[in-house]
Amino acid sequence: MQTLTGEKKILAEIQVRTLAMNFWATVEHSLNYKYQGEFPAELKSRLQRASEAAFRLDEEMSEIRDELQETNQVGNTHNSGDPSNENSDL
């Protein structure tokens, strides 16, 4: 990293998250810092289920995106040069 006094090497962590993962992690982080003491078992269980639901949402949305892209590619080969193909940006 460049500083006013010259180059300085630093260690950094980069996190890449989907929107669903970021939503869950932000809420979970906030709860952990605001809650005094140990989380009750039922709340831990519910947070775990929420995490799993966010993962399933990511998986489902990825599959939908992939299927739409495949459909669009097939459509583009059949309609190449057709200006009425509205799904060319998927």
PDB file of N, CA and C in Angstrom:
ATOM      1  N   MET A   1       0.845  -1.149   0.000  1.00  0.00           N
ATOM      2  CA  MET A   1       0.000   0.000   0.000  1.00  0.00           C
ATOM      3  C   MET A   1       0.906   1.232   0.000  1.00  0.00           C
ATOM      4  N   GLN A   2       0.541   2.232  -0.775  1.00  0.00           N
ATOM      5  CA  GLN A   2       1.294   3.474  -0.804  1.00  0.00           C
ATOM      6  C   GLN A   2       0.816   4.398   0.317  1.00  0.00           C
ATOM      7  N   THR A   3       1.746   4.904   1.102  1.00  0.00           N
ATOM      8  CA  THR A   3       1.435   5.869   2.149  1.00  0.00           C
ATOM      9  C   THR A   3       2.232   7.140   1.875  1.00  0.00           C
ATOM     10  N   LEU A   4       2.025   8.150   2.681  1.00  0.00           N
ATOM     11  CA  LEU A   4       2.777   9.395   2.511  1.00  0.00           C
ATOM     12  C   LEU A   4       4.266   9.186   2.712  1.00  0.00           C
ATOM     13  N   THR A   5       4.621   8.201   3.543  1.00  0.00           N
ATOM     14  CA  THR A   5       6.031   7.945   3.827  1.00  0.00           C
ATOM     15  C   THR A   5       6.622   6.849   2.952  1.00  0.00           C
ATOM     16  N   GLY A   6       5.875   6.348   2.005  1.00  0.00           N
ATOM     17  CA  GLY A   6       6.377   5.306   1.115  1.00  0.00           C
ATOM     18  C   GLY A   6       5.492   4.072   1.124  1.00  0.00           C
ATOM     19  N   GLU A   7       6.014   3.044   0.482  1.00  0.00           N
ATOM     20  CA  GLU A   7       5.247   1.798   0.366  1.00  0.00           C
ATOM     21  C   GLU A   7       5.282   1.028   1.670  1.00  0.00           C
ATOM     22  N   LYS A   8       4.130   0.471   2.051  1.00  0.00           N
ATOM     23  CA  LYS A   8       4.031  -0.338   3.261  1.00  0.00           C
ATOM     24  C   LYS A   8       3.240  -1.597   2.928  1.00  0.00           C
ATOM     25  N   LYS A   9       3.774  -2.749   3.321  1.00  0.00           N
ATOM     26  CA  LYS A   9       3.075  -4.009   3.084  1.00  0.00           C
ATOM     27  C   LYS A   9       2.130  -4.283   4.242  1.00  0.00           C
ATOM     28  N   ILE A  10       0.908  -4.643   3.917  1.00  0.00           N
ATOM     29  CA  ILE A  10      -0.088  -4.981   4.937  1.00  0.00           C
ATOM     30  C   ILE A  10      -0.810  -6.256   4.516  1.00  0.00           C
ATOM     31  N   LEU A  11      -1.303  -6.969   5.511  1.00  0.00           N
ATOM     32  CA  LEU A  11      -2.132  -8.139   5.247  1.00  0.00           C
ATOM     33  C   LEU A  11      -3.585  -7.691   5.202  1.00  0.00           C
ATOM     34  N   ALA A  12      -4.347  -8.254   4.303  1.00  0.00           N
ATOM     35  CA  ALA A  12      -5.751  -7.885   4.183  1.00  0.00           C
ATOM     36  C   ALA A  12      -6.574  -9.130   3.926  1.00  0.00           C
ATOM     37  N   GLU A  13      -7.808  -9.073   4.359  1.00  0.00           N
ATOM     38  CA  GLU A  13      -8.760 -10.153   4.093  1.00  0.00           C
ATOM     39  C   GLU A  13      -9.854  -9.592   3.195  1.00  0.00           C
ATOM     40  N   ILE A  14     -10.120 -10.290   2.124  1.00  0.00           N
ATOM     41  CA  ILE A  14     -11.180  -9.883   1.211  1.00  0.00           C
ATOM     42  C   ILE A  14     -12.286 -10.922   1.294  1.00  0.00           C
ATOM     43  N   GLN A  15     -13.497 -10.461   1.555  1.00  0.00           N
ATOM     44  CA  GLN A  15     -14.639 -11.361   1.629  1.00  0.00           C
ATOM     45  C   GLN A  15     -15.553 -11.106   0.440  1.00  0.00           C
ATOM     46  N   VAL A  16     -15.913 -12.177  -0.239  1.00  0.00           N
ATOM     47  CA  VAL A  16     -16.853 -12.088  -1.347  1.00  0.00           C
ATOM     48  C   VAL A  16     -18.119 -12.795  -0.895  1.00  0.00           C
ATOM     49  N   ARG A  17     -19.225 -12.060  -0.904  1.00  0.00           N
ATOM     50  CA  ARG A  17     -20.497 -12.610  -0.443  1.00  0.00           C
ATOM     51  C   ARG A  17     -21.590 -12.325  -1.456  1.00  0.00           C
ATOM     52  N   THR A  18     -22.561 -13.210  -1.458  1.00  0.00           N
ATOM     53  CA  THR A  18     -23.772 -12.921  -2.215  1.00  0.00           C
ATOM     54  C   THR A  18     -24.624 -11.978  -1.372  1.00  0.00           C
ATOM     55  N   LEU A  19     -25.672 -11.426  -1.965  1.00  0.00           N
ATOM     56  CA  LEU A  19     -26.571 -10.551  -1.209  1.00  0.00           C
ATOM     57  C   LEU A  19     -27.205 -11.295  -0.040  1.00  0.00           C
ATOM     58  N   ALA A  20     -27.625 -12.537  -0.258  1.00  0.00           N
ATOM     59  CA  ALA A  20     -28.262 -13.307   0.813  1.00  0.00           C
ATOM     60  C   ALA A  20     -27.276 -13.575   1.947  1.00  0.00           C
ATOM     61  N   MET A  21     -26.041 -13.953   1.604  1.00  0.00           N
ATOM     62  CA  MET A  21     -25.039 -14.199   2.643  1.00  0.00           C
ATOM     63  C   MET A  21     -24.728 -12.918   3.406  1.00  0.00           C
ATOM     64  N   ASN A  22     -24.634 -11.796   2.700  1.00  0.00           N
ATOM     65  CA  ASN A  22     -24.328 -10.537   3.362  1.00  0.00           C
ATOM     66  C   ASN A  22     -25.451 -10.117   4.300  1.00  0.00           C
ATOM     67  N   PHE A  23     -26.685 -10.299   3.865  1.00  0.00           N
ATOM     68  CA  PHE A  23     -27.832  -9.970   4.715  1.00  0.00           C
ATOM     69  C   PHE A  23     -27.782 -10.782   6.006  1.00  0.00           C
ATOM     70  N   TRP A  24     -27.617 -12.096   5.871  1.00  0.00           N
ATOM     71  CA  TRP A  24     -27.590 -12.964   7.051  1.00  0.00           C
ATOM     72  C   TRP A  24     -26.413 -12.603   7.961  1.00  0.00           C
ATOM     73  N   ALA A  25     -25.225 -12.431   7.386  1.00  0.00           N
ATOM     74  CA  ALA A  25     -24.036 -12.155   8.197  1.00  0.00           C
ATOM     75  C   ALA A  25     -24.147 -10.816   8.921  1.00  0.00           C
ATOM     76  N   THR A  26     -24.731  -9.827   8.267  1.00  0.00           N
ATOM     77  CA  THR A  26     -24.886  -8.512   8.890  1.00  0.00           C
ATOM     78  C   THR A  26     -25.822  -8.585  10.091  1.00  0.00           C
ATOM     79  N   VAL A  27     -26.947  -9.260   9.919  1.00  0.00           N
ATOM     80  CA  VAL A  27     -27.900  -9.388  11.018  1.00  0.00           C
ATOM     81  C   VAL A  27     -27.306 -10.213  12.144  1.00  0.00           C
ATOM     82  N   GLU A  28     -26.682 -11.331  11.809  1.00  0.00           N
ATOM     83  CA  GLU A  28     -26.094 -12.208  12.823  1.00  0.00           C
ATOM     84  C   GLU A  28     -24.995 -11.488  13.595  1.00  0.00           C
ATOM     85  N   HIS A  29     -24.165 -10.732  12.900  1.00  0.00           N
ATOM     86  CA  HIS A  29     -23.085  -9.974  13.542  1.00  0.00           C
ATOM     87  C   HIS A  29     -23.653  -8.938  14.509  1.00  0.00           C
ATOM     88  N   SER A  30     -24.683  -8.234  14.062  1.00  0.00           N
ATOM     89  CA  SER A  30     -25.324  -7.226  14.905  1.00  0.00           C
ATOM     90  C   SER A  30     -25.915  -7.865  16.161  1.00  0.00           C
ATOM     91  N   LEU A  31     -26.568  -8.997  16.004  1.00  0.00           N
ATOM     92  CA  LEU A  31     -27.162  -9.684  17.150  1.00  0.00           C
ATOM     93  C   LEU A  31     -26.091 -10.133  18.144  1.00  0.00           C
ATOM     94  N   ASN A  32     -24.997 -10.664  17.631  1.00  0.00           N
ATOM     95  CA  ASN A  32     -23.922 -11.144  18.503  1.00  0.00           C
ATOM     96  C   ASN A  32     -23.320 -10.021  19.340  1.00  0.00           C
ATOM     97  N   TYR A  33     -23.185  -8.856  18.760  1.00  0.00           N
ATOM     98  CA  TYR A  33     -22.572  -7.757  19.505  1.00  0.00           C
ATOM     99  C   TYR A  33     -23.532  -7.060  20.446  1.00  0.00           C
ATOM    100  N   LYS A  34     -24.816  -7.125  20.176  1.00  0.00           N
ATOM    101  CA  LYS A  34     -25.791  -6.447  21.025  1.00  0.00           C
ATOM    102  C   LYS A  34     -26.308  -7.345  22.145  1.00  0.00           C
ATOM    103  N   TYR A  35     -26.187  -8.655  21.965  1.00  0.00           N
ATOM    104  CA  TYR A  35     -26.731  -9.591  22.940  1.00  0.00           C
ATOM    105  C   TYR A  35     -25.730  -9.805  24.070  1.00  0.00           C
ATOM    106  N   GLN A  36     -26.194  -9.696  25.292  1.00  0.00           N
ATOM    107  CA  GLN A  36     -25.322  -9.918  26.447  1.00  0.00           C
ATOM    108  C   GLN A  36     -25.398 -11.386  26.859  1.00  0.00           C
ATOM    109  N   GLY A  37     -24.260 -12.052  26.924  1.00  0.00           N
ATOM    110  CA  GLY A  37     -24.246 -13.441  27.368  1.00  0.00           C
ATOM    111  C   GLY A  37     -24.358 -14.421  26.223  1.00  0.00           C
ATOM    112  N   GLU A  38     -24.639 -15.648  26.585  1.00  0.00           N
ATOM    113  CA  GLU A  38     -24.748 -16.762  25.633  1.00  0.00           C
ATOM    114  C   GLU A  38     -26.120 -16.766  24.981  1.00  0.00           C
ATOM    115  N   PHE A  39     -26.141 -16.995  23.654  1.00  0.00           N
ATOM    116  CA  PHE A  39     -27.421 -17.102  22.946  1.00  0.00           C
ATOM    117  C   PHE A  39     -28.180 -18.324  23.461  1.00  0.00           C
ATOM    118  N   PRO A  40     -29.473 -18.201  23.679  1.00  0.00           N
ATOM    119  CA  PRO A  40     -30.278 -19.383  24.019  1.00  0.00           C
ATOM    120  C   PRO A  40     -30.231 -20.399  22.867  1.00  0.00           C
ATOM    121  N   ALA A  41     -30.336 -21.659  23.211  1.00  0.00           N
ATOM    122  CA  ALA A  41     -30.230 -22.737  22.218  1.00  0.00           C
ATOM    123  C   ALA A  41     -31.231 -22.577  21.084  1.00  0.00           C
ATOM    124  N   GLU A  42     -32.453 -22.172  21.404  1.00  0.00           N
ATOM    125  CA  GLU A  42     -33.478 -22.012  20.362  1.00  0.00           C
ATOM    126  C   GLU A  42     -33.091 -20.916  19.371  1.00  0.00           C
ATOM    127  N   LEU A  43     -32.515 -19.822  19.864  1.00  0.00           N
ATOM    128  CA  LEU A  43     -32.090 -18.756  18.958  1.00  0.00           C
ATOM    129  C   LEU A  43     -30.916 -19.202  18.089  1.00  0.00           C
ATOM    130  N   LYS A  44     -29.989 -19.950  18.666  1.00  0.00           N
ATOM    131  CA  LYS A  44     -28.888 -20.494  17.874  1.00  0.00           C
ATOM    132  C   LYS A  44     -29.424 -21.388  16.762  1.00  0.00           C
ATOM    133  N   SER A  45     -30.398 -22.207  17.106  1.00  0.00           N
ATOM    134  CA  SER A  45     -31.000 -23.102  16.128  1.00  0.00           C
ATOM    135  C   SER A  45     -31.687 -22.318  15.011  1.00  0.00           C
ATOM    136  N   ARG A  46     -32.399 -21.263  15.383  1.00  0.00           N
ATOM    137  CA  ARG A  46     -33.076 -20.446  14.380  1.00  0.00           C
ATOM    138  C   ARG A  46     -32.082 -19.715  13.485  1.00  0.00           C
ATOM    139  N   LEU A  47     -30.976 -19.230  14.071  1.00  0.00           N
ATOM    140  CA  LEU A  47     -29.944 -18.592  13.251  1.00  0.00           C
ATOM    141  C   LEU A  47     -29.324 -19.589  12.275  1.00  0.00           C
ATOM    142  N   GLN A  48     -29.122 -20.813  12.735  1.00  0.00           N
ATOM    143  CA  GLN A  48     -28.584 -21.849  11.855  1.00  0.00           C
ATOM    144  C   GLN A  48     -29.539 -22.129  10.702  1.00  0.00           C
ATOM    145  N   ARG A  49     -30.831 -22.227  11.004  1.00  0.00           N
ATOM    146  CA  ARG A  49     -31.828 -22.458   9.947  1.00  0.00           C
ATOM    147  C   ARG A  49     -31.879 -21.283   8.974  1.00  0.00           C
ATOM    148  N   ALA A  50     -31.734 -20.066   9.490  1.00  0.00           N
ATOM    149  CA  ALA A  50     -31.722 -18.885   8.622  1.00  0.00           C
ATOM    150  C   ALA A  50     -30.505 -18.915   7.693  1.00  0.00           C
ATOM    151  N   SER A  51     -29.371 -19.323   8.232  1.00  0.00           N
ATOM    152  CA  SER A  51     -28.166 -19.444   7.423  1.00  0.00           C
ATOM    153  C   SER A  51     -28.369 -20.466   6.303  1.00  0.00           C
ATOM    154  N   GLU A  52     -28.956 -21.593   6.636  1.00  0.00           N
ATOM    155  CA  GLU A  52     -29.218 -22.636   5.639  1.00  0.00           C
ATOM    156  C   GLU A  52     -30.211 -22.152   4.585  1.00  0.00           C
ATOM    157  N   ALA A  53     -31.212 -21.376   5.004  1.00  0.00           N
ATOM    158  CA  ALA A  53     -32.194 -20.834   4.053  1.00  0.00           C
ATOM    159  C   ALA A  53     -31.510 -19.851   3.095  1.00  0.00           C
ATOM    160  N   ALA A  54     -30.602 -19.029   3.613  1.00  0.00           N
ATOM    161  CA  ALA A  54     -29.873 -18.088   2.759  1.00  0.00           C
ATOM    162  C   ALA A  54     -29.025 -18.853   1.744  1.00  0.00           C
ATOM    163  N   PHE A  55     -28.408 -19.941   2.183  1.00  0.00           N
ATOM    164  CA  PHE A  55     -27.609 -20.766   1.272  1.00  0.00           C
ATOM    165  C   PHE A  55     -28.485 -21.365   0.173  1.00  0.00           C
ATOM    166  N   ARG A  56     -29.647 -21.902   0.574  1.00  0.00           N
ATOM    167  CA  ARG A  56     -30.563 -22.482  -0.425  1.00  0.00           C
ATOM    168  C   ARG A  56     -31.047 -21.420  -1.409  1.00  0.00           C
ATOM    169  N   LEU A  57     -31.314 -20.210  -0.923  1.00  0.00           N
ATOM    170  CA  LEU A  57     -31.723 -19.117  -1.801  1.00  0.00           C
ATOM    171  C   LEU A  57     -30.630 -18.813  -2.822  1.00  0.00           C
ATOM    172  N   ASP A  58     -29.390 -18.726  -2.367  1.00  0.00           N
ATOM    173  CA  ASP A  58     -28.278 -18.486  -3.288  1.00  0.00           C
ATOM    174  C   ASP A  58     -28.186 -19.576  -4.348  1.00  0.00           C
ATOM    175  N   GLU A  59     -28.303 -20.820  -3.905  1.00  0.00           N
ATOM    176  CA  GLU A  59     -28.234 -21.940  -4.840  1.00  0.00           C
ATOM    177  C   GLU A  59     -29.347 -21.864  -5.877  1.00  0.00           C
ATOM    178  N   GLU A  60     -30.567 -21.615  -5.430  1.00  0.00           N
ATOM    179  CA  GLU A  60     -31.719 -21.551  -6.333  1.00  0.00           C
ATOM    180  C   GLU A  60     -31.571 -20.398  -7.329  1.00  0.00           C
ATOM    181  N   MET A  61     -31.150 -19.239  -6.842  1.00  0.00           N
ATOM    182  CA  MET A  61     -30.997 -18.092  -7.734  1.00  0.00           C
ATOM    183  C   MET A  61     -29.888 -18.342  -8.756  1.00  0.00           C
ATOM    184  N   SER A  62     -28.815 -19.006  -8.359  1.00  0.00           N
ATOM    185  CA  SER A  62     -27.745 -19.345  -9.303  1.00  0.00           C
ATOM    186  C   SER A  62     -28.243 -20.291 -10.379  1.00  0.00           C
ATOM    187  N   GLU A  63     -29.038 -21.284  -9.984  1.00  0.00           N
ATOM    188  CA  GLU A  63     -29.590 -22.219 -10.960  1.00  0.00           C
ATOM    189  C   GLU A  63     -30.528 -21.517 -11.927  1.00  0.00           C
ATOM    190  N   ILE A  64     -31.363 -20.626 -11.414  1.00  0.00           N
ATOM    191  CA  ILE A  64     -32.283 -19.878 -12.273  1.00  0.00           C
ATOM    192  C   ILE A  64     -31.490 -19.023 -13.264  1.00  0.00           C
ATOM    193  N   ARG A  65     -30.469 -18.315 -12.775  1.00  0.00           N
ATOM    194  CA  ARG A  65     -29.640 -17.494 -13.660  1.00  0.00           C
ATOM    195  C   ARG A  65     -28.999 -18.340 -14.750  1.00  0.00           C
ATOM    196  N   ASP A  66     -28.439 -19.492 -14.356  1.00  0.00           N
ATOM    197  CA  ASP A  66     -27.791 -20.368 -15.327  1.00  0.00           C
ATOM    198  C   ASP A  66     -28.777 -20.858 -16.380  1.00  0.00           C
ATOM    199  N   GLU A  67     -29.979 -21.247 -15.944  1.00  0.00           N
ATOM    200  CA  GLU A  67     -30.989 -21.718 -16.891  1.00  0.00           C
ATOM    201  C   GLU A  67     -31.416 -20.604 -17.842  1.00  0.00           C
ATOM    202  N   LEU A  68     -31.566 -19.396 -17.324  1.00  0.00           N
ATOM    203  CA  LEU A  68     -31.931 -18.278 -18.193  1.00  0.00           C
ATOM    204  C   LEU A  68     -30.834 -17.980 -19.199  1.00  0.00           C
ATOM    205  N   GLN A  69     -29.584 -18.056 -18.769  1.00  0.00           N
ATOM    206  CA  GLN A  69     -28.475 -17.825 -19.690  1.00  0.00           C
ATOM    207  C   GLN A  69     -28.426 -18.896 -20.765  1.00  0.00           C
ATOM    208  N   GLU A  70     -28.648 -20.152 -20.384  1.00  0.00           N
ATOM    209  CA  GLU A  70     -28.670 -21.236 -21.367  1.00  0.00           C
ATOM    210  C   GLU A  70     -29.801 -21.037 -22.365  1.00  0.00           C
ATOM    211  N   THR A  71     -30.983 -20.682 -21.856  1.00  0.00           N
ATOM    212  CA  THR A  71     -32.129 -20.433 -22.727  1.00  0.00           C
ATOM    213  C   THR A  71     -31.830 -19.286 -23.676  1.00  0.00           C
ATOM    214  N   ASN A  72     -31.195 -18.251 -23.167  1.00  0.00           N
ATOM    215  CA  ASN A  72     -30.860 -17.091 -23.983  1.00  0.00           C
ATOM    216  C   ASN A  72     -29.858 -17.459 -25.064  1.00  0.00           C
ATOM    217  N   GLN A  73     -28.866 -18.302 -24.738  1.00  0.00           N
ATOM    218  CA  GLN A  73     -27.876 -18.717 -25.726  1.00  0.00           C
ATOM    219  C   GLN A  73     -28.522 -19.518 -26.838  1.00  0.00           C
ATOM    220  N   VAL A  74     -29.435 -20.407 -26.474  1.00  0.00           N
ATOM    221  CA  VAL A  74     -30.150 -21.189 -27.486  1.00  0.00           C
ATOM    222  C   VAL A  74     -30.983 -20.251 -28.357  1.00  0.00           C
ATOM    223  N   GLY A  75     -31.652 -19.290 -27.720  1.00  0.00           N
ATOM    224  CA  GLY A  75     -32.454 -18.334 -28.456  1.00  0.00           C
ATOM    225  C   GLY A  75     -31.619 -17.474 -29.381  1.00  0.00           C
ATOM    226  N   ASN A  76     -30.407 -17.123 -28.946  1.00  0.00           N
ATOM    227  CA  ASN A  76     -29.541 -16.298 -29.781  1.00  0.00           C
ATOM    228  C   ASN A  76     -29.063 -17.040 -31.008  1.00  0.00           C
ATOM    229  N   THR A  77     -28.836 -18.352 -30.915  1.00  0.00           N
ATOM    230  CA  THR A  77     -28.406 -19.104 -32.082  1.00  0.00           C
ATOM    231  C   THR A  77     -29.544 -19.231 -33.084  1.00  0.00           C
ATOM    232  N   HIS A  78     -30.776 -19.306 -32.579  1.00  0.00           N
ATOM    233  CA  HIS A  78     -31.933 -19.401 -33.470  1.00  0.00           C
ATOM    234  C   HIS A  78     -32.335 -18.044 -34.013  1.00  0.00           C
ATOM    235  N   ASN A  79     -32.061 -16.973 -33.264  1.00  0.00           N
ATOM    236  CA  ASN A  79     -32.500 -15.639 -33.652  1.00  0.00           C
ATOM    237  C   ASN A  79     -31.339 -14.693 -33.901  1.00  0.00           C
ATOM    238  N   SER A  80     -30.173 -15.210 -34.276  1.00  0.00           N
ATOM    239  CA  SER A  80     -29.029 -14.325 -34.455  1.00  0.00           C
ATOM    240  C   SER A  80     -29.348 -13.283 -35.511  1.00  0.00           C
ATOM    241  N   GLY A  81     -29.017 -12.065 -35.176  1.00  0.00           N
ATOM    242  CA  GLY A  81     -29.303 -10.965 -36.072  1.00  0.00           C
ATOM    243  C   GLY A  81     -30.711 -10.428 -35.951  1.00  0.00           C
ATOM    244  N   ASP A  82     -31.527 -11.032 -35.101  1.00  0.00           N
ATOM    245  CA  ASP A  82     -32.905 -10.580 -34.909  1.00  0.00           C
ATOM    246  C   ASP A  82     -32.928  -9.479 -33.862  1.00  0.00           C
ATOM    247  N   PRO A  83     -33.203  -8.221 -34.240  1.00  0.00           N
ATOM    248  CA  PRO A  83     -33.190  -7.120 -33.275  1.00  0.00           C
ATOM    249  C   PRO A  83     -34.316  -7.192 -32.255  1.00  0.00           C
ATOM    250  N   SER A  84     -35.291  -8.066 -32.458  1.00  0.00           N
ATOM    251  CA  SER A  84     -36.406  -8.158 -31.507  1.00  0.00           C
ATOM    252  C   SER A  84     -36.081  -9.056 -30.327  1.00  0.00           C
ATOM    253  N   ASN A  85     -34.879  -9.651 -30.282  1.00  0.00           N
ATOM    254  CA  ASN A  85     -34.497 -10.516 -29.170  1.00  0.00           C
ATOM    255  C   ASN A  85     -34.218  -9.649 -27.959  1.00  0.00           C
ATOM    256  N   GLU A  86     -35.186  -9.560 -27.036  1.00  0.00           N
ATOM    257  CA  GLU A  86     -35.097  -8.658 -25.894  1.00  0.00           C
ATOM    258  C   GLU A  86     -34.276  -9.213 -24.747  1.00  0.00           C
ATOM    259  N   ASN A  87     -33.941 -10.493 -24.736  1.00  0.00           N
ATOM    260  CA  ASN A  87     -33.246 -11.105 -23.599  1.00  0.00           C
ATOM    261  C   ASN A  87     -31.755 -11.221 -23.816  1.00  0.00           C
ATOM    262  N   SER A  88     -31.185 -10.424 -24.674  1.00  0.00           N
ATOM    263  CA  SER A  88     -29.772 -10.586 -25.001  1.00  0.00           C
ATOM    264  C   SER A  88     -28.841 -10.145 -23.895  1.00  0.00           C
ATOM    265  N   ASP A  89     -29.328  -9.463 -22.850  1.00  0.00           N
ATOM    266  CA  ASP A  89     -28.463  -8.993 -21.766  1.00  0.00           C
ATOM    267  C   ASP A  89     -28.353  -9.945 -20.610  1.00  0.00           C
ATOM    268  N   LEU A  90     -29.012 -11.093 -20.601  1.00  0.00           N
ATOM    269  CA  LEU A  90     -28.940 -12.024 -19.464  1.00  0.00           C
ATOM    270  C   LEU A  90     -27.604 -12.695 -19.395  1.00  0.00           C
TER     271      LEU A  90
END
